[in-house]
């Protein structure tokens, strides 16, 4: 007897909830047709990487910003529909976004 059978014997009137299908991801990010722009700039003498051009919702883009910051272990922010990361991480960011299914275009230098 497995655990479900034992619980049915103990509580015969209890109705169990249907099992959820784990194949569908709840936190999927909306993908777009236009490429995301990955720019390099210097502000106050320090290098930054700007990711711009996302057409989806801000919540999805904020989630993507958080994933990039934790994956790369860098500081950054989300302002005015752009992700701003400290340092020049264009190659790594482009590789991460391509594995997620985005089209990425490198801009600048």
N, C-alpha and C. Protein backbone atom coordinates (compact mmCIF):
# COMPACT_ATOMS: atom_id res chain seq x y z
N UNK A 1 0.84 -1.19 0.00
CA UNK A 1 0.00 0.00 0.00
C UNK A 1 0.87 1.25 0.00
N UNK A 2 0.52 2.17 -0.86
CA UNK A 2 1.26 3.42 -0.84
C UNK A 2 0.55 4.41 0.07
N UNK A 3 1.10 5.58 0.17
CA UNK A 3 0.60 6.59 1.10
C UNK A 3 -0.82 7.04 0.77
N UNK A 4 -1.16 7.16 -0.49
CA UNK A 4 -2.51 7.60 -0.88
C UNK A 4 -3.55 6.58 -0.45
N UNK A 5 -3.25 5.30 -0.60
CA UNK A 5 -4.19 4.27 -0.18
C UNK A 5 -4.38 4.28 1.33
N UNK A 6 -3.31 4.48 2.06
CA UNK A 6 -3.41 4.54 3.51
C UNK A 6 -4.25 5.72 3.95
N UNK A 7 -4.08 6.88 3.28
CA UNK A 7 -4.87 8.05 3.63
C UNK A 7 -6.35 7.86 3.29
N UNK A 8 -6.64 7.14 2.20
CA UNK A 8 -8.03 6.84 1.85
C UNK A 8 -8.67 5.95 2.90
N UNK A 9 -7.91 5.02 3.46
CA UNK A 9 -8.45 4.17 4.50
C UNK A 9 -8.71 4.95 5.78
N UNK A 10 -7.85 5.91 6.10
CA UNK A 10 -8.03 6.71 7.31
C UNK A 10 -9.15 7.74 7.17
N UNK A 11 -9.23 8.37 5.97
CA UNK A 11 -10.22 9.42 5.73
C UNK A 11 -11.01 9.08 4.47
N UNK A 12 -12.02 8.21 4.56
CA UNK A 12 -12.73 7.77 3.36
C UNK A 12 -13.58 8.87 2.71
N UNK A 13 -14.04 9.86 3.47
CA UNK A 13 -14.89 10.90 2.88
C UNK A 13 -14.11 12.06 2.27
N UNK A 14 -12.79 12.06 2.43
CA UNK A 14 -11.97 13.14 1.89
C UNK A 14 -11.83 13.01 0.38
N UNK A 15 -12.02 14.13 -0.33
CA UNK A 15 -11.85 14.16 -1.78
C UNK A 15 -10.52 14.83 -2.08
N UNK A 16 -9.65 14.14 -2.78
CA UNK A 16 -8.33 14.70 -3.07
C UNK A 16 -8.40 15.64 -4.26
N UNK A 17 -7.48 16.60 -4.29
CA UNK A 17 -7.41 17.55 -5.40
C UNK A 17 -6.75 16.89 -6.59
N UNK A 18 -7.16 17.27 -7.81
CA UNK A 18 -6.49 16.69 -8.98
C UNK A 18 -5.04 17.14 -9.03
N UNK A 19 -4.19 16.27 -9.52
CA UNK A 19 -2.76 16.58 -9.59
C UNK A 19 -2.50 17.58 -10.70
N UNK A 20 -1.55 18.48 -10.43
CA UNK A 20 -1.20 19.49 -11.42
C UNK A 20 -0.17 18.93 -12.39
N UNK A 21 -0.25 19.39 -13.64
CA UNK A 21 0.71 18.98 -14.65
C UNK A 21 1.91 19.90 -14.57
N UNK A 22 3.08 19.35 -14.28
CA UNK A 22 4.29 20.16 -14.09
C UNK A 22 4.99 20.52 -15.39
N UNK A 23 4.47 20.08 -16.54
CA UNK A 23 5.16 20.35 -17.79
C UNK A 23 4.97 21.79 -18.25
N UNK A 24 3.94 22.47 -17.79
CA UNK A 24 3.68 23.85 -18.20
C UNK A 24 4.36 24.78 -17.20
N UNK A 25 5.18 25.69 -17.69
CA UNK A 25 5.86 26.64 -16.82
C UNK A 25 4.99 27.85 -16.60
N UNK A 26 4.86 28.26 -15.33
CA UNK A 26 4.05 29.43 -15.00
C UNK A 26 4.81 30.73 -15.23
N UNK A 27 6.13 30.70 -15.17
CA UNK A 27 6.91 31.93 -15.27
C UNK A 27 7.58 32.08 -16.64
N UNK A 28 6.89 31.67 -17.70
CA UNK A 28 7.46 31.81 -19.02
C UNK A 28 7.46 33.27 -19.45
N UNK A 29 8.48 33.66 -20.17
CA UNK A 29 8.64 35.05 -20.60
C UNK A 29 8.18 35.16 -22.05
N UNK A 30 7.46 36.24 -22.34
CA UNK A 30 6.95 36.46 -23.68
C UNK A 30 8.11 36.77 -24.62
N UNK A 31 8.21 36.02 -25.71
CA UNK A 31 9.27 36.23 -26.69
C UNK A 31 8.76 37.14 -27.80
N UNK A 32 9.66 37.85 -28.45
CA UNK A 32 9.28 38.84 -29.44
C UNK A 32 9.98 38.60 -30.76
N UNK A 33 9.51 39.31 -31.79
CA UNK A 33 10.09 39.16 -33.12
C UNK A 33 11.31 40.05 -33.32
N UNK A 34 11.26 41.30 -32.84
CA UNK A 34 12.36 42.24 -32.99
C UNK A 34 13.51 41.85 -32.06
N UNK A 35 14.75 42.06 -32.48
CA UNK A 35 15.87 41.71 -31.60
C UNK A 35 16.00 42.67 -30.42
N UNK A 36 16.49 42.15 -29.31
CA UNK A 36 16.79 42.97 -28.14
C UNK A 36 18.17 43.58 -28.37
N UNK A 37 18.31 44.86 -28.07
CA UNK A 37 19.58 45.56 -28.27
C UNK A 37 20.43 45.47 -27.02
N UNK A 38 21.69 45.11 -27.20
CA UNK A 38 22.64 45.01 -26.10
C UNK A 38 23.74 46.04 -26.36
N UNK A 39 23.70 47.15 -25.62
CA UNK A 39 24.61 48.28 -25.85
C UNK A 39 25.69 48.35 -24.78
N UNK A 40 26.79 48.98 -25.14
CA UNK A 40 27.89 49.24 -24.22
C UNK A 40 28.12 50.74 -24.16
N UNK A 41 28.18 51.29 -22.95
CA UNK A 41 28.45 52.71 -22.76
C UNK A 41 29.37 52.89 -21.58
N UNK A 42 29.90 54.09 -21.48
CA UNK A 42 30.64 54.48 -20.29
C UNK A 42 29.95 55.67 -19.67
N UNK A 43 29.65 55.57 -18.40
CA UNK A 43 29.05 56.68 -17.67
C UNK A 43 29.95 56.98 -16.48
N UNK A 44 30.37 58.22 -16.41
CA UNK A 44 31.29 58.68 -15.38
C UNK A 44 32.55 57.83 -15.35
N UNK A 45 33.00 57.40 -16.53
CA UNK A 45 34.23 56.64 -16.66
C UNK A 45 34.11 55.16 -16.37
N UNK A 46 32.90 54.69 -16.02
CA UNK A 46 32.72 53.28 -15.69
C UNK A 46 31.89 52.59 -16.76
N UNK A 47 32.26 51.37 -17.14
CA UNK A 47 31.52 50.66 -18.20
C UNK A 47 30.18 50.13 -17.70
N UNK A 48 29.17 50.22 -18.55
CA UNK A 48 27.86 49.65 -18.25
C UNK A 48 27.33 48.97 -19.51
N UNK A 49 26.44 48.02 -19.31
CA UNK A 49 25.77 47.33 -20.40
C UNK A 49 24.29 47.64 -20.30
N UNK A 50 23.69 48.07 -21.41
CA UNK A 50 22.27 48.42 -21.44
C UNK A 50 21.54 47.44 -22.36
N UNK A 51 20.46 46.87 -21.86
CA UNK A 51 19.63 45.97 -22.65
C UNK A 51 18.31 46.69 -22.88
N UNK A 52 17.96 46.86 -24.16
CA UNK A 52 16.82 47.68 -24.53
C UNK A 52 16.07 47.02 -25.67
N UNK A 53 14.82 47.44 -25.88
CA UNK A 53 14.06 46.99 -27.03
C UNK A 53 13.11 45.85 -26.76
N UNK A 54 12.73 45.61 -25.51
CA UNK A 54 11.81 44.53 -25.17
C UNK A 54 10.38 45.04 -25.32
N UNK A 55 9.52 44.28 -26.00
CA UNK A 55 8.16 44.72 -26.27
C UNK A 55 7.14 44.18 -25.28
N UNK A 56 7.51 43.24 -24.42
CA UNK A 56 6.57 42.61 -23.49
C UNK A 56 6.27 43.49 -22.29
N UNK A 57 5.71 42.87 -21.27
CA UNK A 57 5.33 43.61 -20.07
C UNK A 57 6.56 43.94 -19.22
N UNK A 58 6.43 44.96 -18.41
CA UNK A 58 7.53 45.37 -17.54
C UNK A 58 7.83 44.30 -16.49
N UNK A 59 6.82 43.59 -16.04
CA UNK A 59 7.04 42.55 -15.04
C UNK A 59 7.94 41.45 -15.57
N UNK A 60 7.72 41.05 -16.83
CA UNK A 60 8.58 40.04 -17.43
C UNK A 60 10.01 40.55 -17.59
N UNK A 61 10.14 41.82 -17.97
CA UNK A 61 11.48 42.39 -18.18
C UNK A 61 12.21 42.54 -16.85
N UNK A 62 11.48 42.88 -15.77
CA UNK A 62 12.08 42.97 -14.45
C UNK A 62 12.55 41.59 -13.99
N UNK A 63 11.76 40.58 -14.29
CA UNK A 63 12.14 39.21 -13.94
C UNK A 63 13.41 38.80 -14.68
N UNK A 64 13.48 39.17 -15.96
CA UNK A 64 14.68 38.89 -16.75
C UNK A 64 15.89 39.63 -16.18
N UNK A 65 15.69 40.88 -15.75
CA UNK A 65 16.78 41.66 -15.16
C UNK A 65 17.30 40.98 -13.90
N UNK A 66 16.39 40.50 -13.07
CA UNK A 66 16.80 39.84 -11.84
C UNK A 66 17.58 38.56 -12.13
N UNK A 67 17.12 37.79 -13.12
CA UNK A 67 17.84 36.57 -13.49
C UNK A 67 19.25 36.88 -14.00
N UNK A 68 19.37 37.92 -14.83
CA UNK A 68 20.68 38.28 -15.37
C UNK A 68 21.62 38.75 -14.26
N UNK A 69 21.11 39.57 -13.34
CA UNK A 69 21.94 40.07 -12.26
C UNK A 69 22.42 38.95 -11.35
N UNK A 70 21.56 38.00 -11.04
CA UNK A 70 22.00 36.91 -10.17
C UNK A 70 22.92 35.94 -10.90
N UNK A 71 22.67 35.70 -12.18
CA UNK A 71 23.52 34.79 -12.94
C UNK A 71 24.92 35.35 -13.10
N UNK A 72 25.03 36.65 -13.40
CA UNK A 72 26.33 37.27 -13.62
C UNK A 72 26.96 37.80 -12.33
N UNK A 73 26.21 37.82 -11.24
CA UNK A 73 26.69 38.34 -9.95
C UNK A 73 27.18 39.79 -10.07
N UNK A 74 26.34 40.62 -10.68
CA UNK A 74 26.68 42.03 -10.84
C UNK A 74 25.52 42.89 -10.34
N UNK A 75 25.79 44.16 -10.13
CA UNK A 75 24.77 45.10 -9.76
C UNK A 75 24.10 45.66 -11.00
N UNK A 76 22.93 46.19 -10.82
CA UNK A 76 22.23 46.78 -11.95
C UNK A 76 20.87 47.27 -11.53
N UNK A 77 20.12 47.78 -12.50
CA UNK A 77 18.80 48.30 -12.21
C UNK A 77 17.91 48.20 -13.45
N UNK A 78 16.63 48.45 -13.23
CA UNK A 78 15.65 48.48 -14.30
C UNK A 78 15.02 49.86 -14.28
N UNK A 79 15.28 50.66 -15.33
CA UNK A 79 14.74 52.02 -15.39
C UNK A 79 14.27 52.32 -16.81
N UNK A 80 13.11 52.93 -16.92
CA UNK A 80 12.57 53.42 -18.20
C UNK A 80 12.55 52.34 -19.28
N UNK A 81 12.21 51.11 -18.91
CA UNK A 81 12.13 50.04 -19.90
C UNK A 81 13.47 49.53 -20.36
N UNK A 82 14.53 49.77 -19.59
CA UNK A 82 15.87 49.32 -19.93
C UNK A 82 16.49 48.62 -18.73
N UNK A 83 17.29 47.61 -19.01
CA UNK A 83 18.07 46.97 -17.96
C UNK A 83 19.48 47.54 -18.03
N UNK A 84 19.97 48.05 -16.92
CA UNK A 84 21.31 48.63 -16.86
C UNK A 84 22.14 47.78 -15.91
N UNK A 85 23.20 47.16 -16.43
CA UNK A 85 24.09 46.31 -15.64
C UNK A 85 25.47 46.93 -15.55
N UNK A 86 26.11 46.81 -14.40
CA UNK A 86 27.43 47.37 -14.20
C UNK A 86 28.47 46.45 -14.82
N UNK A 87 29.29 47.00 -15.70
CA UNK A 87 30.36 46.23 -16.34
C UNK A 87 30.03 45.89 -17.78
N UNK A 88 31.03 45.38 -18.48
CA UNK A 88 30.87 45.01 -19.89
C UNK A 88 30.68 43.50 -19.97
N UNK A 89 29.43 43.05 -20.02
CA UNK A 89 29.10 41.63 -20.06
C UNK A 89 28.27 41.30 -21.30
N UNK A 90 28.54 41.99 -22.40
CA UNK A 90 27.71 41.80 -23.60
C UNK A 90 27.73 40.37 -24.10
N UNK A 91 28.90 39.76 -24.17
CA UNK A 91 29.00 38.40 -24.71
C UNK A 91 28.25 37.40 -23.84
N UNK A 92 28.41 37.50 -22.53
CA UNK A 92 27.72 36.57 -21.63
C UNK A 92 26.21 36.79 -21.66
N UNK A 93 25.78 38.05 -21.70
CA UNK A 93 24.35 38.36 -21.74
C UNK A 93 23.73 37.85 -23.02
N UNK A 94 24.43 38.06 -24.13
CA UNK A 94 23.91 37.59 -25.41
C UNK A 94 23.78 36.07 -25.43
N UNK A 95 24.73 35.37 -24.84
CA UNK A 95 24.65 33.91 -24.78
C UNK A 95 23.47 33.45 -23.92
N UNK A 96 23.26 34.12 -22.79
CA UNK A 96 22.15 33.76 -21.90
C UNK A 96 20.81 34.01 -22.59
N UNK A 97 20.68 35.18 -23.25
CA UNK A 97 19.42 35.51 -23.91
C UNK A 97 19.14 34.59 -25.10
N UNK A 98 20.18 34.17 -25.80
CA UNK A 98 19.99 33.25 -26.93
C UNK A 98 19.53 31.88 -26.45
N UNK A 99 20.03 31.43 -25.30
CA UNK A 99 19.57 30.15 -24.77
C UNK A 99 18.11 30.23 -24.32
N UNK A 100 17.65 31.44 -23.95
CA UNK A 100 16.25 31.62 -23.57
C UNK A 100 15.34 31.78 -24.78
N UNK A 101 15.92 31.92 -25.99
CA UNK A 101 15.12 32.00 -27.20
C UNK A 101 14.96 33.39 -27.77
N UNK A 102 15.67 34.38 -27.27
CA UNK A 102 15.58 35.75 -27.77
C UNK A 102 16.52 35.96 -28.94
N UNK A 103 16.15 36.90 -29.82
CA UNK A 103 17.07 37.40 -30.84
C UNK A 103 17.78 38.59 -30.24
N UNK A 104 19.12 38.61 -30.32
CA UNK A 104 19.90 39.67 -29.69
C UNK A 104 20.78 40.33 -30.73
N UNK A 105 20.85 41.66 -30.69
CA UNK A 105 21.69 42.42 -31.59
C UNK A 105 22.70 43.21 -30.77
N UNK A 106 23.98 43.09 -31.12
CA UNK A 106 25.03 43.79 -30.42
C UNK A 106 25.20 45.18 -31.00
N UNK A 107 25.20 46.20 -30.15
CA UNK A 107 25.30 47.58 -30.60
C UNK A 107 26.48 48.23 -29.89
N UNK A 108 27.31 48.93 -30.63
CA UNK A 108 28.43 49.66 -30.06
C UNK A 108 29.67 48.81 -29.89
N UNK A 109 30.81 49.40 -30.24
CA UNK A 109 32.13 48.83 -30.06
C UNK A 109 32.30 47.42 -30.25
